[in-house]
Protein backbone atom coordinates (compact mmCIF):
# COMPACT_ATOMS: atom_id res chain seq x y z
CA LYS A 1 109.15 96.38 84.55
CA ALA A 2 108.85 94.03 87.30
CA THR A 3 106.37 95.58 90.40
CA MET A 4 106.38 94.60 93.59
CA SER A 5 105.21 95.16 96.79
CA GLU A 6 106.31 94.67 100.53
CA VAL A 7 109.61 92.60 100.00
CA TYR A 8 110.71 89.66 102.40
CA GLY A 9 112.48 87.05 103.48
CA ILE A 10 115.54 87.84 100.94
CA CYS A 11 117.91 84.51 100.44
CA MET A 12 120.18 83.44 97.47
CA ASP A 13 121.26 80.22 96.54
CA ALA A 14 124.60 79.07 95.50
CA GLU A 15 124.48 80.19 91.85
CA ASP A 16 123.79 83.94 93.28
CA ASN A 17 120.01 83.82 92.77
CA LEU A 18 117.96 85.94 94.95
CA TYR A 19 114.51 84.35 96.18
CA PHE A 20 111.85 86.80 98.11
CA ALA A 21 108.22 86.44 99.81
CA ASP A 22 106.01 89.28 97.90
CA LEU A 23 104.14 89.65 100.74
CA PHE A 24 101.18 91.81 99.51
CA HIS A 25 100.70 89.68 95.53
CA HIS A 26 101.37 86.12 98.01
CA ARG A 27 103.66 85.18 95.65
CA ILE A 28 107.64 83.61 96.19
CA ARG A 29 109.74 86.02 93.36
CA LEU A 30 112.84 84.86 91.86
CA ILE A 31 115.85 87.30 90.40
CA SER A 32 118.02 85.28 87.89
CA LYS A 33 121.38 86.22 87.95
CA GLN A 34 121.75 84.56 84.73
CA ALA A 35 118.68 85.95 83.09
CA ASN A 36 118.81 89.30 85.30
CA MET A 37 114.77 89.00 85.24
CA VAL A 38 112.11 88.64 87.78
CA THR A 39 109.93 85.39 87.90
CA THR A 40 107.53 84.06 89.95
CA LEU A 41 108.38 80.61 91.64
CA ALA A 42 105.01 80.21 93.14
CA GLY A 43 101.97 81.35 94.09
CA LYS A 44 99.08 83.75 92.49
CA LEU A 45 96.55 86.20 93.45
CA PRO A 46 93.72 84.94 95.25
CA ASP A 47 90.02 85.38 94.79
CA GLY A 48 89.59 87.06 97.98
CA MET A 49 90.90 87.13 100.93
CA PRO A 50 90.97 85.08 103.27
CA GLN A 51 91.46 81.84 100.53
CA PRO A 52 92.71 78.02 102.40
CA GLN A 53 96.14 77.36 101.11
CA ILE A 54 96.07 74.87 97.80
CA ASP A 55 99.33 72.55 97.35
CA GLY A 56 100.64 71.03 94.06
CA LYS A 57 101.91 72.85 90.76
CA ALA A 58 103.51 75.88 92.15
CA SER A 59 101.71 78.20 89.24
CA GLU A 60 98.45 76.81 91.25
CA ALA A 61 99.54 76.98 94.61
CA ILE A 62 98.00 79.55 97.07
CA PHE A 63 99.80 81.70 99.82
CA SER A 64 98.61 84.06 102.42
CA TRP A 65 100.49 86.80 103.62
CA PRO A 66 104.16 84.97 103.21
CA MET A 67 106.85 86.31 104.66
CA GLY A 68 109.95 84.28 105.82
CA VAL A 69 111.94 82.16 102.47
CA GLU A 70 114.77 80.01 102.57
CA VAL A 71 116.53 78.02 100.28
CA ASP A 72 118.75 74.81 100.60
CA ALA A 73 121.76 73.43 99.30
CA ALA A 74 119.33 71.61 96.89
CA ASN A 75 117.41 74.70 95.78
CA ASN A 76 114.43 73.31 97.32
CA VAL A 77 112.68 76.77 98.89
CA TYR A 78 110.79 76.90 102.26
CA VAL A 79 108.23 79.15 102.76
CA ALA A 80 106.90 80.49 105.91
CA ASP A 81 103.27 81.04 105.12
CA THR A 82 102.66 83.65 107.53
CA SER A 83 98.51 83.93 107.77
CA HIS A 84 97.83 80.63 106.93
CA GLY A 85 100.02 79.56 110.21
CA MET A 86 102.00 76.64 107.89
CA ILE A 87 105.79 76.15 106.65
CA ARG A 88 105.76 75.56 102.93
CA LYS A 89 108.36 73.68 100.41
CA ILE A 90 108.64 74.45 96.84
CA HIS A 91 110.41 71.34 95.28
CA HIS A 92 113.46 71.73 93.36
CA PRO A 93 113.41 70.74 90.19
CA GLU A 94 109.84 69.83 90.23
CA HIS A 95 108.08 73.62 91.10
CA GLN A 96 105.37 71.33 93.23
CA VAL A 97 104.41 73.21 96.40
CA THR A 98 103.85 70.85 99.65
CA THR A 99 103.03 71.65 103.09
CA LEU A 100 105.57 70.92 106.05
CA VAL A 101 103.74 71.93 108.63
CA GLY A 102 100.93 73.44 109.86
CA THR A 103 96.94 73.27 109.53
CA GLY A 104 96.26 76.31 107.09
CA PHE A 105 94.80 78.00 109.66
CA GLY A 106 97.00 81.17 111.45
CA TYR A 107 96.31 82.95 115.33
CA GLY A 108 95.82 79.94 116.72
CA GLU A 109 97.58 77.85 119.54
CA ALA A 110 101.44 77.02 118.89
CA VAL A 111 101.74 72.85 119.81
CA ASP A 112 105.64 71.11 119.16
CA GLY A 113 105.09 67.61 118.13
CA SER A 114 105.87 65.68 114.86
CA LEU A 115 105.27 67.46 111.29
CA SER A 116 101.96 65.74 111.03
CA SER A 117 100.33 66.77 114.80
CA ALA A 118 102.40 70.10 115.24
CA LEU A 119 100.66 73.31 115.34
CA LEU A 120 102.00 77.43 114.29
CA ASN A 121 100.48 80.19 115.25
CA ASN A 122 102.21 82.54 112.54
CA PRO A 123 105.51 81.70 111.22
CA ARG A 124 107.13 84.88 110.35
CA HIS A 125 111.02 84.04 109.00
CA LEU A 126 113.36 81.44 108.54
CA ALA A 127 117.03 80.45 108.79
CA LEU A 128 118.42 77.02 107.62
CA ASP A 129 121.40 75.56 109.99
CA HIS A 130 122.86 74.25 107.29
CA ALA A 131 125.50 72.43 108.90
CA HIS A 132 122.50 70.15 111.20
CA GLY A 133 119.66 70.28 109.15
CA ARG A 134 117.60 72.28 110.99
CA LEU A 135 115.28 74.77 109.89
CA TYR A 136 114.72 77.65 112.62
CA PHE A 137 111.37 80.16 112.36
CA THR A 138 110.09 82.85 114.69
CA ASP A 139 106.43 82.29 115.54
CA TYR A 140 104.25 85.08 116.94
CA SER A 141 101.09 86.91 116.77
CA ASP A 142 100.16 89.01 120.01
CA ASP A 143 101.44 88.69 123.69
CA LYS A 144 100.76 85.08 124.25
CA TYR A 145 103.10 84.14 121.07
CA ALA A 146 106.72 85.59 120.63
CA ARG A 147 108.54 82.30 120.27
CA LEU A 148 111.75 80.78 118.32
CA ARG A 149 111.27 76.96 116.81
CA VAL A 150 113.11 74.72 114.94
CA ILE A 151 112.27 71.47 112.73
CA THR A 152 114.87 69.52 113.65
CA GLU A 153 116.88 66.97 111.50
CA THR A 154 114.71 64.26 112.50
CA GLY A 155 111.61 66.27 111.65
CA GLN A 156 110.14 67.38 115.03
CA VAL A 157 108.44 70.83 115.70
CA LYS A 158 109.98 72.48 118.80
CA THR A 159 110.05 75.77 120.55
CA VAL A 160 113.42 76.86 121.48
CA ALA A 161 113.00 79.82 123.51
CA GLY A 162 110.16 82.11 124.08
CA GLN A 163 107.64 79.66 125.90
CA ALA A 164 107.66 82.11 129.03
CA GLY A 165 105.45 84.74 126.79
CA TYR A 166 105.73 87.57 125.81
CA GLY A 167 108.60 90.44 127.07
CA TYR A 168 112.22 91.01 127.53
CA VAL A 169 113.98 88.34 129.62
CA ASP A 170 117.52 86.56 129.13
CA GLY A 171 118.89 83.63 131.01
CA PRO A 172 117.69 79.80 130.06
CA ALA A 173 115.48 79.52 126.90
CA SER A 174 112.86 77.83 128.80
CA LEU A 175 112.80 81.08 130.56
CA ALA A 176 113.26 83.73 128.16
CA LYS A 177 111.05 86.22 126.44
CA PHE A 178 110.67 88.22 123.15
CA GLY A 179 108.91 90.96 122.35
CA THR A 180 108.63 90.93 118.37
CA PRO A 181 110.91 88.30 117.28
CA HIS A 182 111.76 88.96 113.13
CA GLY A 183 114.48 88.34 111.15
CA LEU A 184 116.99 85.51 112.06
CA ALA A 185 120.46 83.85 111.22
CA VAL A 186 122.77 80.98 112.62
CA ASP A 187 126.15 81.22 112.40
CA ARG A 188 128.94 78.52 111.72
CA ASN A 189 128.41 77.57 115.54
CA GLY A 190 125.02 76.96 115.62
CA CYS A 191 124.09 79.95 117.18
CA VAL A 192 120.64 81.69 116.38
CA PHE A 193 120.89 85.94 116.11
CA ILE A 194 117.29 87.56 116.48
CA ALA A 195 116.13 91.02 115.26
CA ASP A 196 113.71 91.88 118.40
CA ALA A 197 112.17 94.71 116.98
CA TYR A 198 109.98 95.69 120.00
CA ASN A 199 112.77 95.41 122.25
CA HIS A 200 115.60 97.25 120.02
CA VAL A 201 117.59 94.57 120.45
CA VAL A 202 119.63 91.41 118.95
CA ARG A 203 119.22 88.70 120.75
CA LYS A 204 120.96 85.24 120.61
CA VAL A 205 120.46 81.99 121.48
CA THR A 206 123.42 79.83 122.10
CA PRO A 207 123.37 75.68 121.40
CA ASN A 208 123.09 75.19 125.03
CA LEU A 209 119.98 77.00 124.57
CA GLU A 210 121.00 80.31 126.70
CA VAL A 211 119.46 83.81 125.53
CA THR A 212 121.58 87.06 125.82
CA THR A 213 121.22 90.37 124.30
CA PHE A 214 123.91 90.10 121.71
CA ALA A 215 123.53 93.95 120.67
CA GLY A 216 121.66 97.13 122.07
CA SER A 217 120.85 98.79 125.16
CA GLY A 218 117.04 97.54 125.05
CA SER A 219 116.60 101.47 124.38
CA GLY A 220 115.13 102.94 120.97
CA GLY A 221 117.66 105.17 119.14
CA ILE A 222 120.73 105.42 117.08
CA PHE A 223 123.72 105.27 118.82
CA ASP A 224 127.05 103.82 117.97
CA GLY A 225 129.54 102.18 120.25
CA LEU A 226 130.22 99.28 122.46
CA ALA A 227 127.55 96.27 121.28
CA LEU A 228 125.27 96.48 124.63
CA GLU A 229 125.62 100.19 124.96
CA ALA A 230 124.72 100.51 121.00
CA ARG A 231 121.34 101.65 119.77
CA PHE A 232 118.70 100.37 117.39
CA TYR A 233 115.56 101.31 116.64
CA GLY A 234 113.19 98.75 115.59
CA PRO A 235 115.20 96.06 113.78
CA TYR A 236 113.77 93.77 111.57
CA GLY A 237 116.22 92.19 109.98
CA VAL A 238 119.65 90.18 110.86
CA ALA A 239 122.42 88.25 108.62
CA VAL A 240 125.84 86.72 109.74
CA ASP A 241 128.76 86.27 107.69
CA ASP A 242 131.40 83.31 107.94
CA ASP A 243 133.94 85.44 110.06
CA GLY A 244 131.22 85.98 112.87
CA THR A 245 130.27 89.96 111.63
CA VAL A 246 126.65 90.08 112.75
CA TYR A 247 124.44 92.85 109.97
CA VAL A 248 121.31 94.39 111.45
CA ALA A 249 118.51 95.69 109.43
CA ASP A 250 118.07 98.92 111.76
CA THR A 251 114.69 99.30 109.95
CA LEU A 252 113.29 102.48 111.87
CA ASN A 253 116.36 103.90 111.47
CA ASN A 254 116.73 103.44 107.99
CA ARG A 255 120.36 101.65 108.15
CA ILE A 256 122.02 98.71 108.11
CA ARG A 257 124.45 98.30 110.98
CA ARG A 258 127.24 96.07 111.87
CA VAL A 259 128.50 94.53 115.06
CA SER A 260 132.09 93.23 114.73
CA LYS A 261 134.85 92.20 116.77
CA ILE A 262 137.67 94.25 117.42
CA SER A 263 141.14 93.83 119.52
CA LYS A 264 141.38 94.82 122.81
CA SER A 265 144.12 97.20 121.49
CA ARG A 266 142.39 98.83 119.05
CA PHE A 267 140.12 99.55 120.98
CA ARG A 268 141.98 101.09 123.61
CA ASP A 269 143.58 103.02 120.34
CA ILE A 270 140.03 104.02 119.43
CA GLN A 271 139.09 105.37 123.08
CA ARG A 272 142.44 107.11 123.22
CA GLN A 273 142.01 109.15 120.36
CA LYS A 274 138.36 109.88 121.85
CA LEU A 275 139.65 111.37 124.92
CA LEU A 276 142.50 113.11 123.67
CA GLU A 277 139.99 114.93 121.35
CA GLU A 278 137.91 115.94 124.10
CA LYS A 279 140.70 116.96 125.98
CA LYS A 280 141.73 119.50 123.16
CA GLU A 281 137.79 120.67 123.27
CA ARG A 282 137.80 121.32 126.95
CA GLN A 283 141.57 123.16 126.59
CA ALA A 284 139.71 125.41 123.52
CA GLN A 285 136.74 126.64 125.47
CA GLU A 286 138.66 126.79 128.77
CA ALA A 287 141.40 129.19 127.03
CA LEU A 288 138.27 130.80 125.29
CA ALA A 289 136.80 131.77 128.89
CA GLU A 290 139.96 132.90 130.08
CA LEU A 291 140.19 135.21 127.06
CA TYR A 292 136.77 136.86 127.73
CA SER A 293 137.69 137.01 131.42
CA GLN A 294 140.81 139.15 130.98
CA GLN A 295 139.02 141.24 128.40
CA ALA A 296 136.26 141.72 131.21
CA LYS A 297 139.08 142.34 133.97
CA ARG A 298 140.65 145.07 131.41
CA ALA A 299 137.63 146.96 131.08
CA GLY A 300 137.42 146.63 134.76
CA GLY A 301 134.44 144.98 134.94
CA ARG A 302 134.09 142.26 136.96
CA ARG A 303 135.71 138.17 136.30
CA GLY A 304 134.02 136.74 133.03
CA LEU A 305 133.43 133.29 132.27
CA GLU A 306 135.06 130.57 134.54
CA ALA A 307 136.72 127.45 133.68
CA VAL A 308 133.98 124.97 134.66
CA GLU A 309 135.91 121.62 134.47
CA GLN A 310 139.61 120.89 135.77
CA HIS A 311 141.53 119.09 132.79
CA ARG A 312 142.89 115.64 133.61
CA ASP A 313 146.20 114.76 132.71
CA ALA A 314 147.36 113.07 129.91
CA GLY A 315 148.34 110.41 132.34
CA ASP A 316 144.42 110.38 133.74
CA ILE A 317 143.80 109.63 130.02
CA GLU A 318 145.26 106.00 130.27
CA GLY A 319 143.08 105.03 133.27
CA GLU A 320 139.87 105.82 131.42
CA ILE A 321 140.61 103.72 128.11
CA ASP A 322 140.09 100.43 129.04
CA LEU A 323 136.82 98.14 130.31
CA GLY A 324 138.66 95.93 132.14
CA ASP A 325 139.34 92.30 131.77
CA GLU A 326 135.90 91.25 132.00
CA ALA A 327 134.42 92.76 128.77
CA TYR A 328 136.53 91.01 126.53
CA ASP A 329 136.46 87.96 125.30
CA ASP A 330 139.02 84.88 125.63
CA ASP A 331 140.57 86.16 122.48
CA GLU A 332 140.80 89.22 124.68
CA ASN A 333 138.52 91.35 121.39
CA VAL A 334 135.27 92.76 122.22
CA GLU A 335 132.60 93.89 120.36
CA ILE A 336 131.28 97.15 118.63
CA VAL A 337 128.53 98.43 116.86
CA ASP A 338 129.84 100.62 114.15
CA ALA A 339 128.16 102.09 110.65
CA ASP A 340 130.79 103.49 108.89
CA ASP A 341 133.76 101.33 109.26
CA PRO A 342 136.17 103.65 111.37
CA MET A 343 138.81 100.91 111.15
CA GLN A 344 139.95 101.56 107.58
CA ALA A 345 142.02 104.54 108.86
CA ALA A 346 143.49 102.80 111.27
CA ASP A 347 144.42 99.25 109.32
CA ALA A 348 146.38 102.24 106.72
CA GLY A 349 148.15 103.75 109.21
CA GLU A 350 146.24 107.44 109.22
CA GLU A 351 144.76 109.05 112.86
CA LEU A 352 141.23 108.44 113.46
CA GLU A 353 139.52 111.39 113.01
CA LEU A 354 136.98 112.32 116.07
CA ASP A 355 133.72 111.45 113.53
CA ASP A 356 135.10 108.10 112.64
CA VAL A 357 135.33 106.94 116.15
CA PRO A 358 132.67 104.53 116.67
CA ILE A 359 132.40 105.75 120.89
CA GLY A 360 130.00 108.24 120.89
CA GLY A 361 127.41 109.87 119.03
CA ALA A 362 124.07 111.49 118.86
CA GLU A 363 121.67 110.04 120.58
CA GLU A 364 117.50 110.41 119.79
CA GLU A 365 114.98 108.34 122.12
CA GLN A 366 112.63 106.70 120.53
CA GLY A 367 109.46 104.85 122.23
CA LYS A 368 108.61 101.22 121.61
CA ALA A 369 104.67 102.09 120.52
CA GLY A 370 104.06 100.56 117.26
CA VAL A 371 107.07 98.53 116.53
CA GLY A 372 105.77 95.43 115.00
CA ALA A 373 102.19 96.13 115.49
CA GLU A 374 101.66 97.59 111.39
CA ASP A 375 102.69 94.27 110.28
CA ASP A 376 100.32 92.58 112.38
CA GLN A 377 97.36 95.27 111.37
CA ARG A 378 97.81 93.97 108.06
CA ARG A 379 97.17 90.34 108.31
CA LYS A 380 94.21 90.36 110.39
């Protein structure tokens, strides 16, 4: 049986073959759909570490803690050779490895420029923008370098966002800051989504170079609901499908989460159901309190429990089920994070159960300490 050690950077080609980085084995591996076999595409276990990169024949190439992997339409494979501070290319069908950019020494300066002059720090994860021929990558190692960078279609390395430093700031890309930017994905509109693990959010970089928080409140935990109220805990991976639905590897919660759009009317239906359920629960509590009170009165004691809260009319609920026009996009849709697909019941014409509603849920506060630190120590 095939063995692996710390799988990173999974991607798939047009024939549904899977490529991934086998981190501790310093190799790029392939799972062939047709053969149902795991093989080594490139790399070998070096004799001692650190060892300089070696280009050439794929089976003899040397990588150092590779993390990111991407594949283009011609089945050429791109590798973020993290500790070497390089991006490498495995040419198909020649099975030759070349260096696209980088000197072979990570944890150095991050310098933009041509492929022959640019310097990388610690490139981690890759995402191809197939429509425009661009290769995006996250590049960070410490509180000085937490950036989104790109190899353009003309062969230039540019910093897209994060040059302002380490932290959590939205706004123009030149002023934005990231914590630990890990996995990334590009949608069909050219927007880049980034799993910012340390900040417990998913960030979005638009083609006009604006950085926003796409999902997550910034507080670690687990909570479904409206995208900017939801909570993640150290998300490391992100993917986007052709419909624009975003999937998040919520790593420290051990879950796959989904950020999808629902219509204004669907959101109102969900919110109405939630509030009605809450009203029923309060009414039941009041009825029980009244029962205890009557029992105490008949027994001659002082009046028992009182209803703490007066119930609202159904008309009051109607005033609480909307967010205001500014919360919706031009098509009157709103983004929510939902792990359990509560829409299936609504699509089937069934009444939504309270447990299915993605508004609310148990919260668990988590701190930020330690997120992203584990794999940093592994390569130092």
